[in-house]
Amino acid sequence: NCGKELTNKERQLGRWKPTNPGKEI
């Protein structure tokens, strides 16, 4: 979005989020 360099910490701190929600698998 803004072009700022992403740090290692930013890449590490995240969460799993479904992009195709509502599936059994």
PDBML (XML) file of the C-alpha atoms, coordinates in Angstrom:
<?xml version="1.0" encoding="UTF-8" ?>
<PDBx:datablock datablockName="MODEL"
   xmlns:PDBx="http://pdbml.pdb.org/schema/pdbx-v50.xsd"
   xmlns:xsi="http://www.w3.org/2001/XMLSchema-instance"
   xsi:schemaLocation="http://pdbml.pdb.org/schema/pdbx-v50.xsd pdbx-v50.xsd">
   <PDBx:atom_siteCategory>
      <PDBx:atom_site id="1">
         <PDBx:B_iso_or_equiv>0.00</PDBx:B_iso_or_equiv>
         <PDBx:Cartn_x>0.000</PDBx:Cartn_x>
         <PDBx:Cartn_y>0.000</PDBx:Cartn_y>
         <PDBx:Cartn_z>0.000</PDBx:Cartn_z>
         <PDBx:auth_asym_id>A</PDBx:auth_asym_id>
         <PDBx:auth_atom_id>CA</PDBx:auth_atom_id>
         <PDBx:auth_comp_id>ASN</PDBx:auth_comp_id>
         <PDBx:auth_seq_id>1</PDBx:auth_seq_id>
         <PDBx:group_PDB>ATOM</PDBx:group_PDB>
         <PDBx:label_alt_id xsi:nil="true" />
         <PDBx:label_asym_id>A</PDBx:label_asym_id>
         <PDBx:label_atom_id>CA</PDBx:label_atom_id>
         <PDBx:label_comp_id>ASN</PDBx:label_comp_id>
         <PDBx:label_entity_id>1</PDBx:label_entity_id>
         <PDBx:label_seq_id>1</PDBx:label_seq_id>
         <PDBx:occupancy>1.00</PDBx:occupancy>
         <PDBx:pdbx_PDB_model_num>1</PDBx:pdbx_PDB_model_num>
         <PDBx:type_symbol>C</PDBx:type_symbol>
      </PDBx:atom_site>
      <PDBx:atom_site id="2">
         <PDBx:B_iso_or_equiv>0.00</PDBx:B_iso_or_equiv>
         <PDBx:Cartn_x>2.529</PDBx:Cartn_x>
         <PDBx:Cartn_y>2.638</PDBx:Cartn_y>
         <PDBx:Cartn_z>1.105</PDBx:Cartn_z>
         <PDBx:auth_asym_id>A</PDBx:auth_asym_id>
         <PDBx:auth_atom_id>CA</PDBx:auth_atom_id>
         <PDBx:auth_comp_id>CYS</PDBx:auth_comp_id>
         <PDBx:auth_seq_id>2</PDBx:auth_seq_id>
         <PDBx:group_PDB>ATOM</PDBx:group_PDB>
         <PDBx:label_alt_id xsi:nil="true" />
         <PDBx:label_asym_id>A</PDBx:label_asym_id>
         <PDBx:label_atom_id>CA</PDBx:label_atom_id>
         <PDBx:label_comp_id>CYS</PDBx:label_comp_id>
         <PDBx:label_entity_id>1</PDBx:label_entity_id>
         <PDBx:label_seq_id>2</PDBx:label_seq_id>
         <PDBx:occupancy>1.00</PDBx:occupancy>
         <PDBx:pdbx_PDB_model_num>1</PDBx:pdbx_PDB_model_num>
         <PDBx:type_symbol>C</PDBx:type_symbol>
      </PDBx:atom_site>
      <PDBx:atom_site id="3">
         <PDBx:B_iso_or_equiv>0.00</PDBx:B_iso_or_equiv>
         <PDBx:Cartn_x>5.816</PDBx:Cartn_x>
         <PDBx:Cartn_y>1.146</PDBx:Cartn_y>
         <PDBx:Cartn_z>-0.144</PDBx:Cartn_z>
         <PDBx:auth_asym_id>A</PDBx:auth_asym_id>
         <PDBx:auth_atom_id>CA</PDBx:auth_atom_id>
         <PDBx:auth_comp_id>GLY</PDBx:auth_comp_id>
         <PDBx:auth_seq_id>3</PDBx:auth_seq_id>
         <PDBx:group_PDB>ATOM</PDBx:group_PDB>
         <PDBx:label_alt_id xsi:nil="true" />
         <PDBx:label_asym_id>A</PDBx:label_asym_id>
         <PDBx:label_atom_id>CA</PDBx:label_atom_id>
         <PDBx:label_comp_id>GLY</PDBx:label_comp_id>
         <PDBx:label_entity_id>1</PDBx:label_entity_id>
         <PDBx:label_seq_id>3</PDBx:label_seq_id>
         <PDBx:occupancy>1.00</PDBx:occupancy>
         <PDBx:pdbx_PDB_model_num>1</PDBx:pdbx_PDB_model_num>
         <PDBx:type_symbol>C</PDBx:type_symbol>
      </PDBx:atom_site>
      <PDBx:atom_site id="4">
         <PDBx:B_iso_or_equiv>0.00</PDBx:B_iso_or_equiv>
         <PDBx:Cartn_x>7.556</PDBx:Cartn_x>
         <PDBx:Cartn_y>1.211</PDBx:Cartn_y>
         <PDBx:Cartn_z>3.259</PDBx:Cartn_z>
         <PDBx:auth_asym_id>A</PDBx:auth_asym_id>
         <PDBx:auth_atom_id>CA</PDBx:auth_atom_id>
         <PDBx:auth_comp_id>LYS</PDBx:auth_comp_id>
         <PDBx:auth_seq_id>4</PDBx:auth_seq_id>
         <PDBx:group_PDB>ATOM</PDBx:group_PDB>
         <PDBx:label_alt_id xsi:nil="true" />
         <PDBx:label_asym_id>A</PDBx:label_asym_id>
         <PDBx:label_atom_id>CA</PDBx:label_atom_id>
         <PDBx:label_comp_id>LYS</PDBx:label_comp_id>
         <PDBx:label_entity_id>1</PDBx:label_entity_id>
         <PDBx:label_seq_id>4</PDBx:label_seq_id>
         <PDBx:occupancy>1.00</PDBx:occupancy>
         <PDBx:pdbx_PDB_model_num>1</PDBx:pdbx_PDB_model_num>
         <PDBx:type_symbol>C</PDBx:type_symbol>
      </PDBx:atom_site>
      <PDBx:atom_site id="5">
         <PDBx:B_iso_or_equiv>0.00</PDBx:B_iso_or_equiv>
         <PDBx:Cartn_x>10.232</PDBx:Cartn_x>
         <PDBx:Cartn_y>-1.426</PDBx:Cartn_y>
         <PDBx:Cartn_z>3.724</PDBx:Cartn_z>
         <PDBx:auth_asym_id>A</PDBx:auth_asym_id>
         <PDBx:auth_atom_id>CA</PDBx:auth_atom_id>
         <PDBx:auth_comp_id>GLU</PDBx:auth_comp_id>
         <PDBx:auth_seq_id>5</PDBx:auth_seq_id>
         <PDBx:group_PDB>ATOM</PDBx:group_PDB>
         <PDBx:label_alt_id xsi:nil="true" />
         <PDBx:label_asym_id>A</PDBx:label_asym_id>
         <PDBx:label_atom_id>CA</PDBx:label_atom_id>
         <PDBx:label_comp_id>GLU</PDBx:label_comp_id>
         <PDBx:label_entity_id>1</PDBx:label_entity_id>
         <PDBx:label_seq_id>5</PDBx:label_seq_id>
         <PDBx:occupancy>1.00</PDBx:occupancy>
         <PDBx:pdbx_PDB_model_num>1</PDBx:pdbx_PDB_model_num>
         <PDBx:type_symbol>C</PDBx:type_symbol>
      </PDBx:atom_site>
      <PDBx:atom_site id="6">
         <PDBx:B_iso_or_equiv>0.00</PDBx:B_iso_or_equiv>
         <PDBx:Cartn_x>8.841</PDBx:Cartn_x>
         <PDBx:Cartn_y>-4.271</PDBx:Cartn_y>
         <PDBx:Cartn_z>5.847</PDBx:Cartn_z>
         <PDBx:auth_asym_id>A</PDBx:auth_asym_id>
         <PDBx:auth_atom_id>CA</PDBx:auth_atom_id>
         <PDBx:auth_comp_id>LEU</PDBx:auth_comp_id>
         <PDBx:auth_seq_id>6</PDBx:auth_seq_id>
         <PDBx:group_PDB>ATOM</PDBx:group_PDB>
         <PDBx:label_alt_id xsi:nil="true" />
         <PDBx:label_asym_id>A</PDBx:label_asym_id>
         <PDBx:label_atom_id>CA</PDBx:label_atom_id>
         <PDBx:label_comp_id>LEU</PDBx:label_comp_id>
         <PDBx:label_entity_id>1</PDBx:label_entity_id>
         <PDBx:label_seq_id>6</PDBx:label_seq_id>
         <PDBx:occupancy>1.00</PDBx:occupancy>
         <PDBx:pdbx_PDB_model_num>1</PDBx:pdbx_PDB_model_num>
         <PDBx:type_symbol>C</PDBx:type_symbol>
      </PDBx:atom_site>
      <PDBx:atom_site id="7">
         <PDBx:B_iso_or_equiv>0.00</PDBx:B_iso_or_equiv>
         <PDBx:Cartn_x>11.011</PDBx:Cartn_x>
         <PDBx:Cartn_y>-5.408</PDBx:Cartn_y>
         <PDBx:Cartn_z>8.724</PDBx:Cartn_z>
         <PDBx:auth_asym_id>A</PDBx:auth_asym_id>
         <PDBx:auth_atom_id>CA</PDBx:auth_atom_id>
         <PDBx:auth_comp_id>THR</PDBx:auth_comp_id>
         <PDBx:auth_seq_id>7</PDBx:auth_seq_id>
         <PDBx:group_PDB>ATOM</PDBx:group_PDB>
         <PDBx:label_alt_id xsi:nil="true" />
         <PDBx:label_asym_id>A</PDBx:label_asym_id>
         <PDBx:label_atom_id>CA</PDBx:label_atom_id>
         <PDBx:label_comp_id>THR</PDBx:label_comp_id>
         <PDBx:label_entity_id>1</PDBx:label_entity_id>
         <PDBx:label_seq_id>7</PDBx:label_seq_id>
         <PDBx:occupancy>1.00</PDBx:occupancy>
         <PDBx:pdbx_PDB_model_num>1</PDBx:pdbx_PDB_model_num>
         <PDBx:type_symbol>C</PDBx:type_symbol>
      </PDBx:atom_site>
      <PDBx:atom_site id="8">
         <PDBx:B_iso_or_equiv>0.00</PDBx:B_iso_or_equiv>
         <PDBx:Cartn_x>11.684</PDBx:Cartn_x>
         <PDBx:Cartn_y>-9.004</PDBx:Cartn_y>
         <PDBx:Cartn_z>9.729</PDBx:Cartn_z>
         <PDBx:auth_asym_id>A</PDBx:auth_asym_id>
         <PDBx:auth_atom_id>CA</PDBx:auth_atom_id>
         <PDBx:auth_comp_id>ASN</PDBx:auth_comp_id>
         <PDBx:auth_seq_id>8</PDBx:auth_seq_id>
         <PDBx:group_PDB>ATOM</PDBx:group_PDB>
         <PDBx:label_alt_id xsi:nil="true" />
         <PDBx:label_asym_id>A</PDBx:label_asym_id>
         <PDBx:label_atom_id>CA</PDBx:label_atom_id>
         <PDBx:label_comp_id>ASN</PDBx:label_comp_id>
         <PDBx:label_entity_id>1</PDBx:label_entity_id>
         <PDBx:label_seq_id>8</PDBx:label_seq_id>
         <PDBx:occupancy>1.00</PDBx:occupancy>
         <PDBx:pdbx_PDB_model_num>1</PDBx:pdbx_PDB_model_num>
         <PDBx:type_symbol>C</PDBx:type_symbol>
      </PDBx:atom_site>
      <PDBx:atom_site id="9">
         <PDBx:B_iso_or_equiv>0.00</PDBx:B_iso_or_equiv>
         <PDBx:Cartn_x>9.584</PDBx:Cartn_x>
         <PDBx:Cartn_y>-8.386</PDBx:Cartn_y>
         <PDBx:Cartn_z>12.835</PDBx:Cartn_z>
         <PDBx:auth_asym_id>A</PDBx:auth_asym_id>
         <PDBx:auth_atom_id>CA</PDBx:auth_atom_id>
         <PDBx:auth_comp_id>LYS</PDBx:auth_comp_id>
         <PDBx:auth_seq_id>9</PDBx:auth_seq_id>
         <PDBx:group_PDB>ATOM</PDBx:group_PDB>
         <PDBx:label_alt_id xsi:nil="true" />
         <PDBx:label_asym_id>A</PDBx:label_asym_id>
         <PDBx:label_atom_id>CA</PDBx:label_atom_id>
         <PDBx:label_comp_id>LYS</PDBx:label_comp_id>
         <PDBx:label_entity_id>1</PDBx:label_entity_id>
         <PDBx:label_seq_id>9</PDBx:label_seq_id>
         <PDBx:occupancy>1.00</PDBx:occupancy>
         <PDBx:pdbx_PDB_model_num>1</PDBx:pdbx_PDB_model_num>
         <PDBx:type_symbol>C</PDBx:type_symbol>
      </PDBx:atom_site>
      <PDBx:atom_site id="10">
         <PDBx:B_iso_or_equiv>0.00</PDBx:B_iso_or_equiv>
         <PDBx:Cartn_x>6.631</PDBx:Cartn_x>
         <PDBx:Cartn_y>-7.235</PDBx:Cartn_y>
         <PDBx:Cartn_z>10.761</PDBx:Cartn_z>
         <PDBx:auth_asym_id>A</PDBx:auth_asym_id>
         <PDBx:auth_atom_id>CA</PDBx:auth_atom_id>
         <PDBx:auth_comp_id>GLU</PDBx:auth_comp_id>
         <PDBx:auth_seq_id>10</PDBx:auth_seq_id>
         <PDBx:group_PDB>ATOM</PDBx:group_PDB>
         <PDBx:label_alt_id xsi:nil="true" />
         <PDBx:label_asym_id>A</PDBx:label_asym_id>
         <PDBx:label_atom_id>CA</PDBx:label_atom_id>
         <PDBx:label_comp_id>GLU</PDBx:label_comp_id>
         <PDBx:label_entity_id>1</PDBx:label_entity_id>
         <PDBx:label_seq_id>10</PDBx:label_seq_id>
         <PDBx:occupancy>1.00</PDBx:occupancy>
         <PDBx:pdbx_PDB_model_num>1</PDBx:pdbx_PDB_model_num>
         <PDBx:type_symbol>C</PDBx:type_symbol>
      </PDBx:atom_site>
      <PDBx:atom_site id="11">
         <PDBx:B_iso_or_equiv>0.00</PDBx:B_iso_or_equiv>
         <PDBx:Cartn_x>6.835</PDBx:Cartn_x>
         <PDBx:Cartn_y>-10.376</PDBx:Cartn_y>
         <PDBx:Cartn_z>8.632</PDBx:Cartn_z>
         <PDBx:auth_asym_id>A</PDBx:auth_asym_id>
         <PDBx:auth_atom_id>CA</PDBx:auth_atom_id>
         <PDBx:auth_comp_id>ARG</PDBx:auth_comp_id>
         <PDBx:auth_seq_id>11</PDBx:auth_seq_id>
         <PDBx:group_PDB>ATOM</PDBx:group_PDB>
         <PDBx:label_alt_id xsi:nil="true" />
         <PDBx:label_asym_id>A</PDBx:label_asym_id>
         <PDBx:label_atom_id>CA</PDBx:label_atom_id>
         <PDBx:label_comp_id>ARG</PDBx:label_comp_id>
         <PDBx:label_entity_id>1</PDBx:label_entity_id>
         <PDBx:label_seq_id>11</PDBx:label_seq_id>
         <PDBx:occupancy>1.00</PDBx:occupancy>
         <PDBx:pdbx_PDB_model_num>1</PDBx:pdbx_PDB_model_num>
         <PDBx:type_symbol>C</PDBx:type_symbol>
      </PDBx:atom_site>
      <PDBx:atom_site id="12">
         <PDBx:B_iso_or_equiv>0.00</PDBx:B_iso_or_equiv>
         <PDBx:Cartn_x>7.057</PDBx:Cartn_x>
         <PDBx:Cartn_y>-12.529</PDBx:Cartn_y>
         <PDBx:Cartn_z>11.740</PDBx:Cartn_z>
         <PDBx:auth_asym_id>A</PDBx:auth_asym_id>
         <PDBx:auth_atom_id>CA</PDBx:auth_atom_id>
         <PDBx:auth_comp_id>GLN</PDBx:auth_comp_id>
         <PDBx:auth_seq_id>12</PDBx:auth_seq_id>
         <PDBx:group_PDB>ATOM</PDBx:group_PDB>
         <PDBx:label_alt_id xsi:nil="true" />
         <PDBx:label_asym_id>A</PDBx:label_asym_id>
         <PDBx:label_atom_id>CA</PDBx:label_atom_id>
         <PDBx:label_comp_id>GLN</PDBx:label_comp_id>
         <PDBx:label_entity_id>1</PDBx:label_entity_id>
         <PDBx:label_seq_id>12</PDBx:label_seq_id>
         <PDBx:occupancy>1.00</PDBx:occupancy>
         <PDBx:pdbx_PDB_model_num>1</PDBx:pdbx_PDB_model_num>
         <PDBx:type_symbol>C</PDBx:type_symbol>
      </PDBx:atom_site>
      <PDBx:atom_site id="13">
         <PDBx:B_iso_or_equiv>0.00</PDBx:B_iso_or_equiv>
         <PDBx:Cartn_x>4.159</PDBx:Cartn_x>
         <PDBx:Cartn_y>-11.023</PDBx:Cartn_y>
         <PDBx:Cartn_z>13.685</PDBx:Cartn_z>
         <PDBx:auth_asym_id>A</PDBx:auth_asym_id>
         <PDBx:auth_atom_id>CA</PDBx:auth_atom_id>
         <PDBx:auth_comp_id>LEU</PDBx:auth_comp_id>
         <PDBx:auth_seq_id>13</PDBx:auth_seq_id>
         <PDBx:group_PDB>ATOM</PDBx:group_PDB>
         <PDBx:label_alt_id xsi:nil="true" />
         <PDBx:label_asym_id>A</PDBx:label_asym_id>
         <PDBx:label_atom_id>CA</PDBx:label_atom_id>
         <PDBx:label_comp_id>LEU</PDBx:label_comp_id>
         <PDBx:label_entity_id>1</PDBx:label_entity_id>
         <PDBx:label_seq_id>13</PDBx:label_seq_id>
         <PDBx:occupancy>1.00</PDBx:occupancy>
         <PDBx:pdbx_PDB_model_num>1</PDBx:pdbx_PDB_model_num>
         <PDBx:type_symbol>C</PDBx:type_symbol>
      </PDBx:atom_site>
      <PDBx:atom_site id="14">
         <PDBx:B_iso_or_equiv>0.00</PDBx:B_iso_or_equiv>
         <PDBx:Cartn_x>1.016</PDBx:Cartn_x>
         <PDBx:Cartn_y>-12.046</PDBx:Cartn_y>
         <PDBx:Cartn_z>11.868</PDBx:Cartn_z>
         <PDBx:auth_asym_id>A</PDBx:auth_asym_id>
         <PDBx:auth_atom_id>CA</PDBx:auth_atom_id>
         <PDBx:auth_comp_id>GLY</PDBx:auth_comp_id>
         <PDBx:auth_seq_id>14</PDBx:auth_seq_id>
         <PDBx:group_PDB>ATOM</PDBx:group_PDB>
         <PDBx:label_alt_id xsi:nil="true" />
         <PDBx:label_asym_id>A</PDBx:label_asym_id>
         <PDBx:label_atom_id>CA</PDBx:label_atom_id>
         <PDBx:label_comp_id>GLY</PDBx:label_comp_id>
         <PDBx:label_entity_id>1</PDBx:label_entity_id>
         <PDBx:label_seq_id>14</PDBx:label_seq_id>
         <PDBx:occupancy>1.00</PDBx:occupancy>
         <PDBx:pdbx_PDB_model_num>1</PDBx:pdbx_PDB_model_num>
         <PDBx:type_symbol>C</PDBx:type_symbol>
      </PDBx:atom_site>
      <PDBx:atom_site id="15">
         <PDBx:B_iso_or_equiv>0.00</PDBx:B_iso_or_equiv>
         <PDBx:Cartn_x>-1.990</PDBx:Cartn_x>
         <PDBx:Cartn_y>-14.317</PDBx:Cartn_y>
         <PDBx:Cartn_z>11.943</PDBx:Cartn_z>
         <PDBx:auth_asym_id>A</PDBx:auth_asym_id>
         <PDBx:auth_atom_id>CA</PDBx:auth_atom_id>
         <PDBx:auth_comp_id>ARG</PDBx:auth_comp_id>
         <PDBx:auth_seq_id>15</PDBx:auth_seq_id>
         <PDBx:group_PDB>ATOM</PDBx:group_PDB>
         <PDBx:label_alt_id xsi:nil="true" />
         <PDBx:label_asym_id>A</PDBx:label_asym_id>
         <PDBx:label_atom_id>CA</PDBx:label_atom_id>
         <PDBx:label_comp_id>ARG</PDBx:label_comp_id>
         <PDBx:label_entity_id>1</PDBx:label_entity_id>
         <PDBx:label_seq_id>15</PDBx:label_seq_id>
         <PDBx:occupancy>1.00</PDBx:occupancy>
         <PDBx:pdbx_PDB_model_num>1</PDBx:pdbx_PDB_model_num>
         <PDBx:type_symbol>C</PDBx:type_symbol>
      </PDBx:atom_site>
      <PDBx:atom_site id="16">
         <PDBx:B_iso_or_equiv>0.00</PDBx:B_iso_or_equiv>
         <PDBx:Cartn_x>-3.487</PDBx:Cartn_x>
         <PDBx:Cartn_y>-17.071</PDBx:Cartn_y>
         <PDBx:Cartn_z>9.825</PDBx:Cartn_z>
         <PDBx:auth_asym_id>A</PDBx:auth_asym_id>
         <PDBx:auth_atom_id>CA</PDBx:auth_atom_id>
         <PDBx:auth_comp_id>TRP</PDBx:auth_comp_id>
         <PDBx:auth_seq_id>16</PDBx:auth_seq_id>
         <PDBx:group_PDB>ATOM</PDBx:group_PDB>
         <PDBx:label_alt_id xsi:nil="true" />
         <PDBx:label_asym_id>A</PDBx:label_asym_id>
         <PDBx:label_atom_id>CA</PDBx:label_atom_id>
         <PDBx:label_comp_id>TRP</PDBx:label_comp_id>
         <PDBx:label_entity_id>1</PDBx:label_entity_id>
         <PDBx:label_seq_id>16</PDBx:label_seq_id>
         <PDBx:occupancy>1.00</PDBx:occupancy>
         <PDBx:pdbx_PDB_model_num>1</PDBx:pdbx_PDB_model_num>
         <PDBx:type_symbol>C</PDBx:type_symbol>
      </PDBx:atom_site>
      <PDBx:atom_site id="17">
         <PDBx:B_iso_or_equiv>0.00</PDBx:B_iso_or_equiv>
         <PDBx:Cartn_x>-6.612</PDBx:Cartn_x>
         <PDBx:Cartn_y>-15.803</PDBx:Cartn_y>
         <PDBx:Cartn_z>8.096</PDBx:Cartn_z>
         <PDBx:auth_asym_id>A</PDBx:auth_asym_id>
         <PDBx:auth_atom_id>CA</PDBx:auth_atom_id>
         <PDBx:auth_comp_id>LYS</PDBx:auth_comp_id>
         <PDBx:auth_seq_id>17</PDBx:auth_seq_id>
         <PDBx:group_PDB>ATOM</PDBx:group_PDB>
         <PDBx:label_alt_id xsi:nil="true" />
         <PDBx:label_asym_id>A</PDBx:label_asym_id>
         <PDBx:label_atom_id>CA</PDBx:label_atom_id>
         <PDBx:label_comp_id>LYS</PDBx:label_comp_id>
         <PDBx:label_entity_id>1</PDBx:label_entity_id>
         <PDBx:label_seq_id>17</PDBx:label_seq_id>
         <PDBx:occupancy>1.00</PDBx:occupancy>
         <PDBx:pdbx_PDB_model_num>1</PDBx:pdbx_PDB_model_num>
         <PDBx:type_symbol>C</PDBx:type_symbol>
      </PDBx:atom_site>
      <PDBx:atom_site id="18">
         <PDBx:B_iso_or_equiv>0.00</PDBx:B_iso_or_equiv>
         <PDBx:Cartn_x>-8.841</PDBx:Cartn_x>
         <PDBx:Cartn_y>-17.729</PDBx:Cartn_y>
         <PDBx:Cartn_z>5.648</PDBx:Cartn_z>
         <PDBx:auth_asym_id>A</PDBx:auth_asym_id>
         <PDBx:auth_atom_id>CA</PDBx:auth_atom_id>
         <PDBx:auth_comp_id>PRO</PDBx:auth_comp_id>
         <PDBx:auth_seq_id>18</PDBx:auth_seq_id>
         <PDBx:group_PDB>ATOM</PDBx:group_PDB>
         <PDBx:label_alt_id xsi:nil="true" />
         <PDBx:label_asym_id>A</PDBx:label_asym_id>
         <PDBx:label_atom_id>CA</PDBx:label_atom_id>
         <PDBx:label_comp_id>PRO</PDBx:label_comp_id>
         <PDBx:label_entity_id>1</PDBx:label_entity_id>
         <PDBx:label_seq_id>18</PDBx:label_seq_id>
         <PDBx:occupancy>1.00</PDBx:occupancy>
         <PDBx:pdbx_PDB_model_num>1</PDBx:pdbx_PDB_model_num>
         <PDBx:type_symbol>C</PDBx:type_symbol>
      </PDBx:atom_site>
      <PDBx:atom_site id="19">
         <PDBx:B_iso_or_equiv>0.00</PDBx:B_iso_or_equiv>
         <PDBx:Cartn_x>-9.259</PDBx:Cartn_x>
         <PDBx:Cartn_y>-16.226</PDBx:Cartn_y>
         <PDBx:Cartn_z>2.192</PDBx:Cartn_z>
         <PDBx:auth_asym_id>A</PDBx:auth_asym_id>
         <PDBx:auth_atom_id>CA</PDBx:auth_atom_id>
         <PDBx:auth_comp_id>THR</PDBx:auth_comp_id>
         <PDBx:auth_seq_id>19</PDBx:auth_seq_id>
         <PDBx:group_PDB>ATOM</PDBx:group_PDB>
         <PDBx:label_alt_id xsi:nil="true" />
         <PDBx:label_asym_id>A</PDBx:label_asym_id>
         <PDBx:label_atom_id>CA</PDBx:label_atom_id>
         <PDBx:label_comp_id>THR</PDBx:label_comp_id>
         <PDBx:label_entity_id>1</PDBx:label_entity_id>
         <PDBx:label_seq_id>19</PDBx:label_seq_id>
         <PDBx:occupancy>1.00</PDBx:occupancy>
         <PDBx:pdbx_PDB_model_num>1</PDBx:pdbx_PDB_model_num>
         <PDBx:type_symbol>C</PDBx:type_symbol>
      </PDBx:atom_site>
      <PDBx:atom_site id="20">
         <PDBx:B_iso_or_equiv>0.00</PDBx:B_iso_or_equiv>
         <PDBx:Cartn_x>-11.911</PDBx:Cartn_x>
         <PDBx:Cartn_y>-18.796</PDBx:Cartn_y>
         <PDBx:Cartn_z>1.238</PDBx:Cartn_z>
         <PDBx:auth_asym_id>A</PDBx:auth_asym_id>
         <PDBx:auth_atom_id>CA</PDBx:auth_atom_id>
         <PDBx:auth_comp_id>ASN</PDBx:auth_comp_id>
         <PDBx:auth_seq_id>20</PDBx:auth_seq_id>
         <PDBx:group_PDB>ATOM</PDBx:group_PDB>
         <PDBx:label_alt_id xsi:nil="true" />
         <PDBx:label_asym_id>A</PDBx:label_asym_id>
         <PDBx:label_atom_id>CA</PDBx:label_atom_id>
         <PDBx:label_comp_id>ASN</PDBx:label_comp_id>
         <PDBx:label_entity_id>1</PDBx:label_entity_id>
         <PDBx:label_seq_id>20</PDBx:label_seq_id>
         <PDBx:occupancy>1.00</PDBx:occupancy>
         <PDBx:pdbx_PDB_model_num>1</PDBx:pdbx_PDB_model_num>
         <PDBx:type_symbol>C</PDBx:type_symbol>
      </PDBx:atom_site>
      <PDBx:atom_site id="21">
         <PDBx:B_iso_or_equiv>0.00</PDBx:B_iso_or_equiv>
         <PDBx:Cartn_x>-13.930</PDBx:Cartn_x>
         <PDBx:Cartn_y>-19.028</PDBx:Cartn_y>
         <PDBx:Cartn_z>4.479</PDBx:Cartn_z>
         <PDBx:auth_asym_id>A</PDBx:auth_asym_id>
         <PDBx:auth_atom_id>CA</PDBx:auth_atom_id>
         <PDBx:auth_comp_id>PRO</PDBx:auth_comp_id>
         <PDBx:auth_seq_id>21</PDBx:auth_seq_id>
         <PDBx:group_PDB>ATOM</PDBx:group_PDB>
         <PDBx:label_alt_id xsi:nil="true" />
         <PDBx:label_asym_id>A</PDBx:label_asym_id>
         <PDBx:label_atom_id>CA</PDBx:label_atom_id>
         <PDBx:label_comp_id>PRO</PDBx:label_comp_id>
         <PDBx:label_entity_id>1</PDBx:label_entity_id>
         <PDBx:label_seq_id>21</PDBx:label_seq_id>
         <PDBx:occupancy>1.00</PDBx:occupancy>
         <PDBx:pdbx_PDB_model_num>1</PDBx:pdbx_PDB_model_num>
         <PDBx:type_symbol>C</PDBx:type_symbol>
      </PDBx:atom_site>
      <PDBx:atom_site id="22">
         <PDBx:B_iso_or_equiv>0.00</PDBx:B_iso_or_equiv>
         <PDBx:Cartn_x>-16.645</PDBx:Cartn_x>
         <PDBx:Cartn_y>-21.504</PDBx:Cartn_y>
         <PDBx:Cartn_z>5.329</PDBx:Cartn_z>
         <PDBx:auth_asym_id>A</PDBx:auth_asym_id>
         <PDBx:auth_atom_id>CA</PDBx:auth_atom_id>
         <PDBx:auth_comp_id>GLY</PDBx:auth_comp_id>
         <PDBx:auth_seq_id>22</PDBx:auth_seq_id>
         <PDBx:group_PDB>ATOM</PDBx:group_PDB>
         <PDBx:label_alt_id xsi:nil="true" />
         <PDBx:label_asym_id>A</PDBx:label_asym_id>
         <PDBx:label_atom_id>CA</PDBx:label_atom_id>
         <PDBx:label_comp_id>GLY</PDBx:label_comp_id>
         <PDBx:label_entity_id>1</PDBx:label_entity_id>
         <PDBx:label_seq_id>22</PDBx:label_seq_id>
         <PDBx:occupancy>1.00</PDBx:occupancy>
         <PDBx:pdbx_PDB_model_num>1</PDBx:pdbx_PDB_model_num>
         <PDBx:type_symbol>C</PDBx:type_symbol>
      </PDBx:atom_site>
      <PDBx:atom_site id="23">
         <PDBx:B_iso_or_equiv>0.00</PDBx:B_iso_or_equiv>
         <PDBx:Cartn_x>-14.905</PDBx:Cartn_x>
         <PDBx:Cartn_y>-24.675</PDBx:Cartn_y>
         <PDBx:Cartn_z>4.106</PDBx:Cartn_z>
         <PDBx:auth_asym_id>A</PDBx:auth_asym_id>
         <PDBx:auth_atom_id>CA</PDBx:auth_atom_id>
         <PDBx:auth_comp_id>LYS</PDBx:auth_comp_id>
         <PDBx:auth_seq_id>23</PDBx:auth_seq_id>
         <PDBx:group_PDB>ATOM</PDBx:group_PDB>
         <PDBx:label_alt_id xsi:nil="true" />
         <PDBx:label_asym_id>A</PDBx:label_asym_id>
         <PDBx:label_atom_id>CA</PDBx:label_atom_id>
         <PDBx:label_comp_id>LYS</PDBx:label_comp_id>
         <PDBx:label_entity_id>1</PDBx:label_entity_id>
         <PDBx:label_seq_id>23</PDBx:label_seq_id>
         <PDBx:occupancy>1.00</PDBx:occupancy>
         <PDBx:pdbx_PDB_model_num>1</PDBx:pdbx_PDB_model_num>
         <PDBx:type_symbol>C</PDBx:type_symbol>
      </PDBx:atom_site>
      <PDBx:atom_site id="24">
         <PDBx:B_iso_or_equiv>0.00</PDBx:B_iso_or_equiv>
         <PDBx:Cartn_x>-14.563</PDBx:Cartn_x>
         <PDBx:Cartn_y>-27.910</PDBx:Cartn_y>
         <PDBx:Cartn_z>6.090</PDBx:Cartn_z>
         <PDBx:auth_asym_id>A</PDBx:auth_asym_id>
         <PDBx:auth_atom_id>CA</PDBx:auth_atom_id>
         <PDBx:auth_comp_id>GLU</PDBx:auth_comp_id>
         <PDBx:auth_seq_id>24</PDBx:auth_seq_id>
         <PDBx:group_PDB>ATOM</PDBx:group_PDB>
         <PDBx:label_alt_id xsi:nil="true" />
         <PDBx:label_asym_id>A</PDBx:label_asym_id>
         <PDBx:label_atom_id>CA</PDBx:label_atom_id>
         <PDBx:label_comp_id>GLU</PDBx:label_comp_id>
         <PDBx:label_entity_id>1</PDBx:label_entity_id>
         <PDBx:label_seq_id>24</PDBx:label_seq_id>
         <PDBx:occupancy>1.00</PDBx:occupancy>
         <PDBx:pdbx_PDB_model_num>1</PDBx:pdbx_PDB_model_num>
         <PDBx:type_symbol>C</PDBx:type_symbol>
      </PDBx:atom_site>
      <PDBx:atom_site id="25">
         <PDBx:B_iso_or_equiv>0.00</PDBx:B_iso_or_equiv>
         <PDBx:Cartn_x>-10.922</PDBx:Cartn_x>
         <PDBx:Cartn_y>-28.405</PDBx:Cartn_y>
         <PDBx:Cartn_z>5.041</PDBx:Cartn_z>
         <PDBx:auth_asym_id>A</PDBx:auth_asym_id>
         <PDBx:auth_atom_id>CA</PDBx:auth_atom_id>
         <PDBx:auth_comp_id>ILE</PDBx:auth_comp_id>
         <PDBx:auth_seq_id>25</PDBx:auth_seq_id>
         <PDBx:group_PDB>ATOM</PDBx:group_PDB>
         <PDBx:label_alt_id xsi:nil="true" />
         <PDBx:label_asym_id>A</PDBx:label_asym_id>
         <PDBx:label_atom_id>CA</PDBx:label_atom_id>
         <PDBx:label_comp_id>ILE</PDBx:label_comp_id>
         <PDBx:label_entity_id>1</PDBx:label_entity_id>
         <PDBx:label_seq_id>25</PDBx:label_seq_id>
         <PDBx:occupancy>1.00</PDBx:occupancy>
         <PDBx:pdbx_PDB_model_num>1</PDBx:pdbx_PDB_model_num>
         <PDBx:type_symbol>C</PDBx:type_symbol>
      </PDBx:atom_site>
   </PDBx:atom_siteCategory>
</PDBx:datablock>
